[in-house]
Amino acid sequence: MAGMHQEKHISEVSRLMEQIEAEYQAAESALKDPRTCGSHQIINGHLLAINPLFDQLAEEVGDKDDAIRMFGSAVWGIES
């Protein structure tokens, strides 16, 4: 049963990371797109959507610092 729980945990972490990356990339794309770069609502909306996802990620991994490292690695390629 522990293996099944571990797989579900890994799957949830992966899902959250994918969603965070997608929101970040959408905000970054909106920032670079001349049609939307002036629309702070669009960019801010994507960035605000990351907050609850990040909180869930921190809860899943058990430590906010670990979640920050995962975010930095996934979004900016920062390895610690």
Foldseek 3Di string as FASTA:
>chain_A
DVVVVVVVLVVLLVVLLVLLQVLQVQLVVLCVDPVRVPPVVSNVVSVVVNVVSLVVNCVSVVHSVVSVQSNCCSNVVDHD
